[in-house]
N, C-alpha and C. Protein backbone atom coordinates (compact mmCIF):
# COMPACT_ATOMS: atom_id res chain seq x y z
N UNK A 1 151.69 77.50 -107.66
CA UNK A 1 151.63 76.70 -106.45
C UNK A 1 150.21 76.74 -105.92
N UNK A 2 149.72 75.58 -105.57
CA UNK A 2 148.34 75.57 -105.09
C UNK A 2 148.24 76.04 -103.65
N UNK A 3 147.08 76.47 -103.27
CA UNK A 3 146.84 77.08 -101.97
C UNK A 3 147.26 76.18 -100.82
N UNK A 4 146.98 74.89 -100.93
CA UNK A 4 147.35 73.95 -99.87
C UNK A 4 148.85 73.97 -99.62
N UNK A 5 149.62 73.97 -100.69
CA UNK A 5 151.08 73.99 -100.55
C UNK A 5 151.55 75.32 -99.96
N UNK A 6 150.92 76.41 -100.38
CA UNK A 6 151.28 77.72 -99.84
C UNK A 6 151.02 77.78 -98.32
N UNK A 7 149.88 77.26 -97.93
CA UNK A 7 149.54 77.25 -96.50
C UNK A 7 150.51 76.36 -95.74
N UNK A 8 150.82 75.20 -96.30
CA UNK A 8 151.76 74.28 -95.65
C UNK A 8 153.13 74.95 -95.49
N UNK A 9 153.61 75.59 -96.54
CA UNK A 9 154.90 76.27 -96.48
C UNK A 9 154.88 77.41 -95.46
N UNK A 10 153.78 78.16 -95.44
CA UNK A 10 153.64 79.26 -94.48
C UNK A 10 153.69 78.73 -93.04
N UNK A 11 152.95 77.68 -92.76
CA UNK A 11 152.93 77.11 -91.41
C UNK A 11 154.30 76.56 -91.04
N UNK A 12 154.96 75.90 -91.99
CA UNK A 12 156.30 75.37 -91.71
C UNK A 12 157.28 76.51 -91.44
N UNK A 13 157.24 77.57 -92.24
CA UNK A 13 158.12 78.72 -92.01
C UNK A 13 157.84 79.38 -90.67
N UNK A 14 156.58 79.45 -90.31
CA UNK A 14 156.19 80.01 -89.02
C UNK A 14 156.75 79.14 -87.89
N UNK A 15 156.65 77.83 -88.03
CA UNK A 15 157.17 76.91 -87.02
C UNK A 15 158.69 77.03 -86.92
N UNK A 16 159.36 77.14 -88.05
CA UNK A 16 160.82 77.31 -88.04
C UNK A 16 161.18 78.59 -87.32
N UNK A 17 160.49 79.68 -87.64
CA UNK A 17 160.78 80.95 -86.97
C UNK A 17 160.53 80.86 -85.48
N UNK A 18 159.47 80.17 -85.09
CA UNK A 18 159.17 80.00 -83.68
C UNK A 18 160.28 79.20 -83.00
N UNK A 19 160.74 78.14 -83.65
CA UNK A 19 161.82 77.31 -83.09
C UNK A 19 163.11 78.12 -82.95
N UNK A 20 163.44 78.90 -83.98
CA UNK A 20 164.65 79.74 -83.94
C UNK A 20 164.53 80.76 -82.82
N UNK A 21 163.36 81.37 -82.69
CA UNK A 21 163.14 82.35 -81.62
C UNK A 21 163.28 81.69 -80.25
N UNK A 22 162.79 80.47 -80.13
CA UNK A 22 162.90 79.75 -78.85
C UNK A 22 164.37 79.48 -78.52
N UNK A 23 165.14 79.04 -79.52
CA UNK A 23 166.56 78.77 -79.31
C UNK A 23 167.29 80.06 -78.95
N UNK A 24 167.02 81.10 -79.70
CA UNK A 24 167.68 82.39 -79.46
C UNK A 24 167.32 82.94 -78.08
N UNK A 25 166.06 82.87 -77.71
CA UNK A 25 165.63 83.34 -76.39
C UNK A 25 166.29 82.55 -75.28
N UNK A 26 166.37 81.24 -75.47
CA UNK A 26 167.00 80.40 -74.46
C UNK A 26 168.48 80.74 -74.35
N UNK A 27 169.14 80.92 -75.48
CA UNK A 27 170.56 81.29 -75.48
C UNK A 27 170.76 82.60 -74.73
N UNK A 28 169.93 83.58 -75.02
CA UNK A 28 170.05 84.88 -74.34
C UNK A 28 169.80 84.75 -72.84
N UNK A 29 168.84 83.92 -72.49
CA UNK A 29 168.58 83.69 -71.07
C UNK A 29 169.82 83.09 -70.39
N UNK A 30 170.44 82.14 -71.05
CA UNK A 30 171.63 81.48 -70.48
C UNK A 30 172.82 82.45 -70.39
N UNK A 31 172.83 83.46 -71.24
CA UNK A 31 173.95 84.42 -71.26
C UNK A 31 173.73 85.63 -70.36
N UNK A 32 172.58 85.69 -69.69
CA UNK A 32 172.24 86.87 -68.88
C UNK A 32 173.34 87.24 -67.90
N UNK A 33 173.89 86.27 -67.22
CA UNK A 33 174.88 86.53 -66.17
C UNK A 33 176.32 86.40 -66.65
N UNK A 34 176.51 86.24 -67.95
CA UNK A 34 177.85 86.10 -68.51
C UNK A 34 178.36 87.49 -68.89
N UNK A 35 179.54 87.80 -68.42
CA UNK A 35 180.14 89.10 -68.73
C UNK A 35 181.13 88.95 -69.89
N UNK A 36 181.54 90.07 -70.42
CA UNK A 36 182.57 90.06 -71.47
C UNK A 36 183.86 89.43 -70.92
N UNK A 37 184.17 89.71 -69.67
CA UNK A 37 185.37 89.12 -69.05
C UNK A 37 185.24 87.60 -68.96
N UNK A 38 184.03 87.10 -68.68
CA UNK A 38 183.80 85.65 -68.66
C UNK A 38 184.04 85.06 -70.05
N UNK A 39 183.56 85.76 -71.06
CA UNK A 39 183.74 85.31 -72.44
C UNK A 39 185.22 85.25 -72.78
N UNK A 40 185.94 86.28 -72.41
CA UNK A 40 187.40 86.32 -72.64
C UNK A 40 188.07 85.12 -71.98
N UNK A 41 187.74 84.85 -70.72
CA UNK A 41 188.32 83.73 -69.99
C UNK A 41 187.99 82.41 -70.67
N UNK A 42 186.77 82.26 -71.13
CA UNK A 42 186.36 81.03 -71.82
C UNK A 42 187.18 80.82 -73.10
N UNK A 43 187.40 81.90 -73.85
CA UNK A 43 188.20 81.80 -75.07
C UNK A 43 189.64 81.43 -74.73
N UNK A 44 190.21 82.15 -73.78
CA UNK A 44 191.62 81.92 -73.40
C UNK A 44 191.84 80.51 -72.87
N UNK A 45 190.88 79.99 -72.10
CA UNK A 45 191.03 78.67 -71.48
C UNK A 45 190.38 77.56 -72.31
N UNK A 46 189.89 77.93 -73.49
CA UNK A 46 189.24 76.96 -74.38
C UNK A 46 188.16 76.14 -73.65
N UNK A 47 187.33 76.85 -72.92
CA UNK A 47 186.27 76.23 -72.14
C UNK A 47 185.25 75.59 -73.07
N UNK A 48 184.85 74.38 -72.74
CA UNK A 48 183.82 73.66 -73.48
C UNK A 48 182.48 73.98 -72.83
N UNK A 49 181.68 74.79 -73.51
CA UNK A 49 180.43 75.26 -72.92
C UNK A 49 179.44 74.13 -72.63
N UNK A 50 179.42 73.11 -73.48
CA UNK A 50 178.49 71.99 -73.24
C UNK A 50 178.86 71.28 -71.94
N UNK A 51 180.15 71.12 -71.69
CA UNK A 51 180.59 70.42 -70.48
C UNK A 51 180.24 71.19 -69.22
N UNK A 52 180.22 72.51 -69.29
CA UNK A 52 179.91 73.29 -68.08
C UNK A 52 178.44 73.69 -68.00
N UNK A 53 177.66 73.29 -68.99
CA UNK A 53 176.22 73.55 -68.94
C UNK A 53 175.62 72.68 -67.84
N UNK A 54 174.89 73.29 -66.92
CA UNK A 54 174.29 72.50 -65.84
C UNK A 54 173.38 71.39 -66.39
N UNK A 55 173.37 70.26 -65.70
CA UNK A 55 172.54 69.14 -66.12
C UNK A 55 171.07 69.53 -66.21
N UNK A 56 170.64 70.44 -65.33
CA UNK A 56 169.23 70.86 -65.37
C UNK A 56 168.91 71.55 -66.70
N UNK A 57 169.86 72.30 -67.24
CA UNK A 57 169.65 72.95 -68.53
C UNK A 57 169.65 71.93 -69.66
N UNK A 58 170.56 70.98 -69.58
CA UNK A 58 170.60 69.93 -70.61
C UNK A 58 169.29 69.14 -70.59
N UNK A 59 168.80 68.84 -69.40
CA UNK A 59 167.54 68.11 -69.27
C UNK A 59 166.40 68.91 -69.86
N UNK A 60 166.38 70.22 -69.61
CA UNK A 60 165.35 71.09 -70.18
C UNK A 60 165.38 71.02 -71.71
N UNK A 61 166.57 71.12 -72.27
CA UNK A 61 166.72 71.06 -73.72
C UNK A 61 166.23 69.71 -74.24
N UNK A 62 166.68 68.65 -73.59
CA UNK A 62 166.38 67.29 -74.05
C UNK A 62 164.91 66.93 -73.86
N UNK A 63 164.33 67.32 -72.75
CA UNK A 63 162.96 66.90 -72.43
C UNK A 63 161.89 67.87 -72.92
N UNK A 64 162.22 69.16 -73.02
CA UNK A 64 161.19 70.15 -73.36
C UNK A 64 161.31 70.69 -74.78
N UNK A 65 162.51 71.11 -75.15
CA UNK A 65 162.67 71.77 -76.46
C UNK A 65 162.74 70.75 -77.59
N UNK A 66 163.62 69.75 -77.46
CA UNK A 66 163.82 68.81 -78.57
C UNK A 66 162.57 68.02 -78.95
N UNK A 67 161.82 67.47 -78.00
CA UNK A 67 160.63 66.72 -78.42
C UNK A 67 159.63 67.60 -79.17
N UNK A 68 159.53 68.84 -78.75
CA UNK A 68 158.57 69.76 -79.34
C UNK A 68 158.94 70.14 -80.78
N UNK A 69 160.25 70.27 -81.01
CA UNK A 69 160.72 70.75 -82.31
C UNK A 69 161.63 69.73 -83.01
N UNK A 70 161.52 68.46 -82.67
CA UNK A 70 162.44 67.43 -83.17
C UNK A 70 162.63 67.49 -84.68
N UNK A 71 161.55 67.45 -85.43
CA UNK A 71 161.65 67.43 -86.90
C UNK A 71 162.33 68.68 -87.42
N UNK A 72 161.98 69.83 -86.85
CA UNK A 72 162.58 71.08 -87.29
C UNK A 72 164.06 71.15 -86.93
N UNK A 73 164.40 70.66 -85.74
CA UNK A 73 165.80 70.66 -85.32
C UNK A 73 166.62 69.80 -86.26
N UNK A 74 166.12 68.61 -86.56
CA UNK A 74 166.84 67.71 -87.48
C UNK A 74 167.00 68.37 -88.84
N UNK A 75 165.94 68.98 -89.32
CA UNK A 75 165.95 69.54 -90.66
C UNK A 75 166.82 70.80 -90.78
N UNK A 76 166.81 71.64 -89.75
CA UNK A 76 167.46 72.95 -89.86
C UNK A 76 168.68 73.14 -88.96
N UNK A 77 169.09 72.10 -88.27
CA UNK A 77 170.23 72.21 -87.35
C UNK A 77 171.47 72.77 -88.03
N UNK A 78 171.73 72.33 -89.24
CA UNK A 78 172.95 72.77 -89.92
C UNK A 78 172.89 74.24 -90.36
N UNK A 79 171.70 74.84 -90.29
CA UNK A 79 171.58 76.26 -90.62
C UNK A 79 172.05 77.16 -89.47
N UNK A 80 172.19 76.57 -88.30
CA UNK A 80 172.72 77.35 -87.17
C UNK A 80 174.24 77.27 -87.25
N UNK A 81 174.82 78.38 -87.64
CA UNK A 81 176.26 78.44 -87.88
C UNK A 81 176.91 79.42 -86.89
N UNK A 82 178.22 79.32 -86.75
CA UNK A 82 178.91 80.30 -85.90
C UNK A 82 178.65 81.74 -86.36
N UNK A 83 178.58 81.93 -87.66
CA UNK A 83 178.32 83.27 -88.20
C UNK A 83 176.94 83.78 -87.77
N UNK A 84 175.93 82.88 -87.79
CA UNK A 84 174.59 83.26 -87.35
C UNK A 84 174.58 83.58 -85.86
N UNK A 85 175.24 82.75 -85.05
CA UNK A 85 175.30 83.00 -83.61
C UNK A 85 176.01 84.32 -83.34
N UNK A 86 177.08 84.59 -84.07
CA UNK A 86 177.79 85.86 -83.90
C UNK A 86 176.89 87.04 -84.27
N UNK A 87 176.08 86.87 -85.30
CA UNK A 87 175.12 87.91 -85.69
C UNK A 87 174.12 88.16 -84.56
N UNK A 88 173.62 87.07 -83.96
CA UNK A 88 172.71 87.21 -82.82
C UNK A 88 173.39 87.96 -81.69
N UNK A 89 174.65 87.60 -81.42
CA UNK A 89 175.39 88.27 -80.34
C UNK A 89 175.59 89.76 -80.66
N UNK A 90 175.88 90.07 -81.91
CA UNK A 90 176.05 91.48 -82.28
C UNK A 90 174.78 92.28 -81.95
N UNK A 91 173.63 91.67 -82.21
CA UNK A 91 172.36 92.36 -81.97
C UNK A 91 171.98 92.39 -80.50
N UNK A 92 172.13 91.24 -79.84
CA UNK A 92 171.58 91.08 -78.49
C UNK A 92 172.61 91.22 -77.37
N UNK A 93 173.86 90.89 -77.65
CA UNK A 93 174.93 90.98 -76.65
C UNK A 93 176.20 91.49 -77.32
N UNK A 94 176.19 92.75 -77.74
CA UNK A 94 177.36 93.29 -78.44
C UNK A 94 178.64 93.24 -77.61
N UNK A 95 178.50 93.24 -76.28
CA UNK A 95 179.69 93.14 -75.44
C UNK A 95 180.41 91.81 -75.65
N UNK A 96 179.66 90.73 -75.81
CA UNK A 96 180.26 89.42 -76.07
C UNK A 96 180.79 89.33 -77.49
N UNK A 97 180.06 89.90 -78.43
CA UNK A 97 180.52 89.92 -79.82
C UNK A 97 181.84 90.68 -79.92
N UNK A 98 181.97 91.77 -79.18
CA UNK A 98 183.22 92.55 -79.18
C UNK A 98 184.41 91.70 -78.74
N UNK A 99 184.20 90.87 -77.74
CA UNK A 99 185.29 90.00 -77.27
C UNK A 99 185.70 89.05 -78.39
N UNK A 100 184.74 88.44 -79.04
CA UNK A 100 185.02 87.46 -80.10
C UNK A 100 185.66 88.14 -81.31
N UNK A 101 185.20 89.35 -81.62
CA UNK A 101 185.71 90.05 -82.80
C UNK A 101 186.87 91.00 -82.48
N UNK A 102 187.29 91.04 -81.21
CA UNK A 102 188.39 91.90 -80.77
C UNK A 102 188.14 93.36 -81.15
N UNK A 103 187.02 93.87 -80.71
CA UNK A 103 186.66 95.27 -80.99
C UNK A 103 186.62 96.05 -79.68
N UNK A 104 186.65 97.36 -79.83
CA UNK A 104 186.55 98.30 -78.72
C UNK A 104 187.60 97.98 -77.67
N UNK A 105 187.20 97.84 -76.41
CA UNK A 105 188.21 97.64 -75.36
C UNK A 105 188.92 96.29 -75.47
N UNK A 106 188.42 95.39 -76.30
CA UNK A 106 189.05 94.07 -76.47
C UNK A 106 190.00 94.03 -77.66
N UNK A 107 190.21 95.15 -78.31
CA UNK A 107 191.05 95.19 -79.52
C UNK A 107 192.48 94.72 -79.25
N UNK A 108 192.96 94.90 -78.02
CA UNK A 108 194.35 94.54 -77.71
C UNK A 108 194.43 93.30 -76.82
N UNK A 109 193.37 92.53 -76.79
CA UNK A 109 193.38 91.30 -75.98
C UNK A 109 194.47 90.36 -76.49
N UNK A 110 194.98 89.54 -75.58
CA UNK A 110 196.13 88.69 -75.91
C UNK A 110 195.73 87.35 -76.54
N UNK A 111 194.95 87.43 -77.60
CA UNK A 111 194.62 86.27 -78.42
C UNK A 111 194.33 86.79 -79.82
N UNK A 112 194.39 85.89 -80.76
CA UNK A 112 194.13 86.27 -82.15
C UNK A 112 192.61 86.24 -82.40
N UNK A 113 192.14 87.14 -83.22
CA UNK A 113 190.72 87.18 -83.57
C UNK A 113 190.27 85.82 -84.13
N UNK A 114 191.14 85.21 -84.94
CA UNK A 114 190.81 83.90 -85.52
C UNK A 114 190.65 82.85 -84.43
N UNK A 115 191.46 82.95 -83.38
CA UNK A 115 191.37 82.01 -82.26
C UNK A 115 190.00 82.11 -81.59
N UNK A 116 189.52 83.32 -81.41
CA UNK A 116 188.22 83.54 -80.77
C UNK A 116 187.10 83.00 -81.66
N UNK A 117 187.18 83.25 -82.95
CA UNK A 117 186.13 82.75 -83.86
C UNK A 117 186.17 81.23 -83.92
N UNK A 118 187.37 80.65 -83.94
CA UNK A 118 187.48 79.18 -83.93
C UNK A 118 186.87 78.60 -82.66
N UNK A 119 187.09 79.29 -81.54
CA UNK A 119 186.49 78.84 -80.28
C UNK A 119 184.97 78.86 -80.40
N UNK A 120 184.41 79.96 -80.91
CA UNK A 120 182.96 80.05 -81.09
C UNK A 120 182.47 78.93 -82.00
N UNK A 121 183.16 78.74 -83.12
CA UNK A 121 182.76 77.70 -84.07
C UNK A 121 182.79 76.32 -83.41
N UNK A 122 183.81 76.07 -82.62
CA UNK A 122 183.90 74.76 -81.96
C UNK A 122 182.77 74.58 -80.94
N UNK A 123 182.36 75.67 -80.29
CA UNK A 123 181.26 75.58 -79.33
C UNK A 123 179.95 75.28 -80.03
N UNK A 124 179.70 75.98 -81.12
CA UNK A 124 178.46 75.76 -81.88
C UNK A 124 178.42 74.33 -82.39
N UNK A 125 179.51 73.86 -82.97
CA UNK A 125 179.55 72.50 -83.51
C UNK A 125 179.43 71.46 -82.41
N UNK A 126 180.09 71.69 -81.29
CA UNK A 126 180.04 70.74 -80.18
C UNK A 126 178.62 70.62 -79.62
N UNK A 127 177.95 71.73 -79.46
CA UNK A 127 176.57 71.71 -78.96
C UNK A 127 175.66 71.00 -79.95
N UNK A 128 175.83 71.30 -81.24
CA UNK A 128 175.02 70.62 -82.26
C UNK A 128 175.29 69.12 -82.26
N UNK A 129 176.54 68.73 -82.11
CA UNK A 129 176.90 67.31 -82.08
C UNK A 129 176.22 66.61 -80.91
N UNK A 130 176.24 67.24 -79.75
CA UNK A 130 175.62 66.66 -78.57
C UNK A 130 174.10 66.57 -78.72
N UNK A 131 173.51 67.58 -79.31
CA UNK A 131 172.05 67.54 -79.53
C UNK A 131 171.70 66.47 -80.56
N UNK A 132 172.49 66.35 -81.62
CA UNK A 132 172.26 65.29 -82.62
C UNK A 132 172.38 63.91 -81.98
N UNK A 133 173.34 63.74 -81.07
CA UNK A 133 173.50 62.45 -80.38
C UNK A 133 172.25 62.12 -79.56
N UNK A 134 171.73 63.12 -78.87
CA UNK A 134 170.50 62.92 -78.09
C UNK A 134 169.36 62.55 -79.01
N UNK A 135 169.25 63.23 -80.14
CA UNK A 135 168.16 62.95 -81.09
C UNK A 135 168.29 61.55 -81.67
N UNK A 136 169.50 61.11 -81.97
CA UNK A 136 169.65 59.78 -82.55
C UNK A 136 169.38 58.68 -81.53
N UNK A 137 169.67 58.95 -80.25
CA UNK A 137 169.36 57.99 -79.20
C UNK A 137 167.86 57.86 -79.01
N UNK A 138 167.17 59.01 -79.11
CA UNK A 138 165.72 59.02 -78.93
C UNK A 138 165.00 58.52 -80.17
N UNK A 139 165.74 58.52 -81.30
CA UNK A 139 165.28 58.28 -82.61
C UNK A 139 164.31 57.33 -82.99
């Protein structure tokens, strides 16, 4: 591989990592005030997180994050999976991961573990669908 291609790949990988870090940081910021009990309630009530996301946050995503990383978002959006989000939660918010995985004090919660994971998966897919819709409108 020639040097130009190596540099291009390095810069692209760096940009992807920066975009992922930005998404992850933003997600963690949004979850700061969310408790494990809130997560439990959201699962039980099948809360749609995109619908309850404040318009100011949606505007921030649409006006600040997406234009900056549009190409990367389009290219790598499908790499953001429920499994990856759960991995992030395990590292950064294990209390929320415990609710989804029914561990520790949530082991006897009155829902099935599969129900919680399906809820997480539906949230990830719903958010991606809404972001893709915004991108195609701006397209």
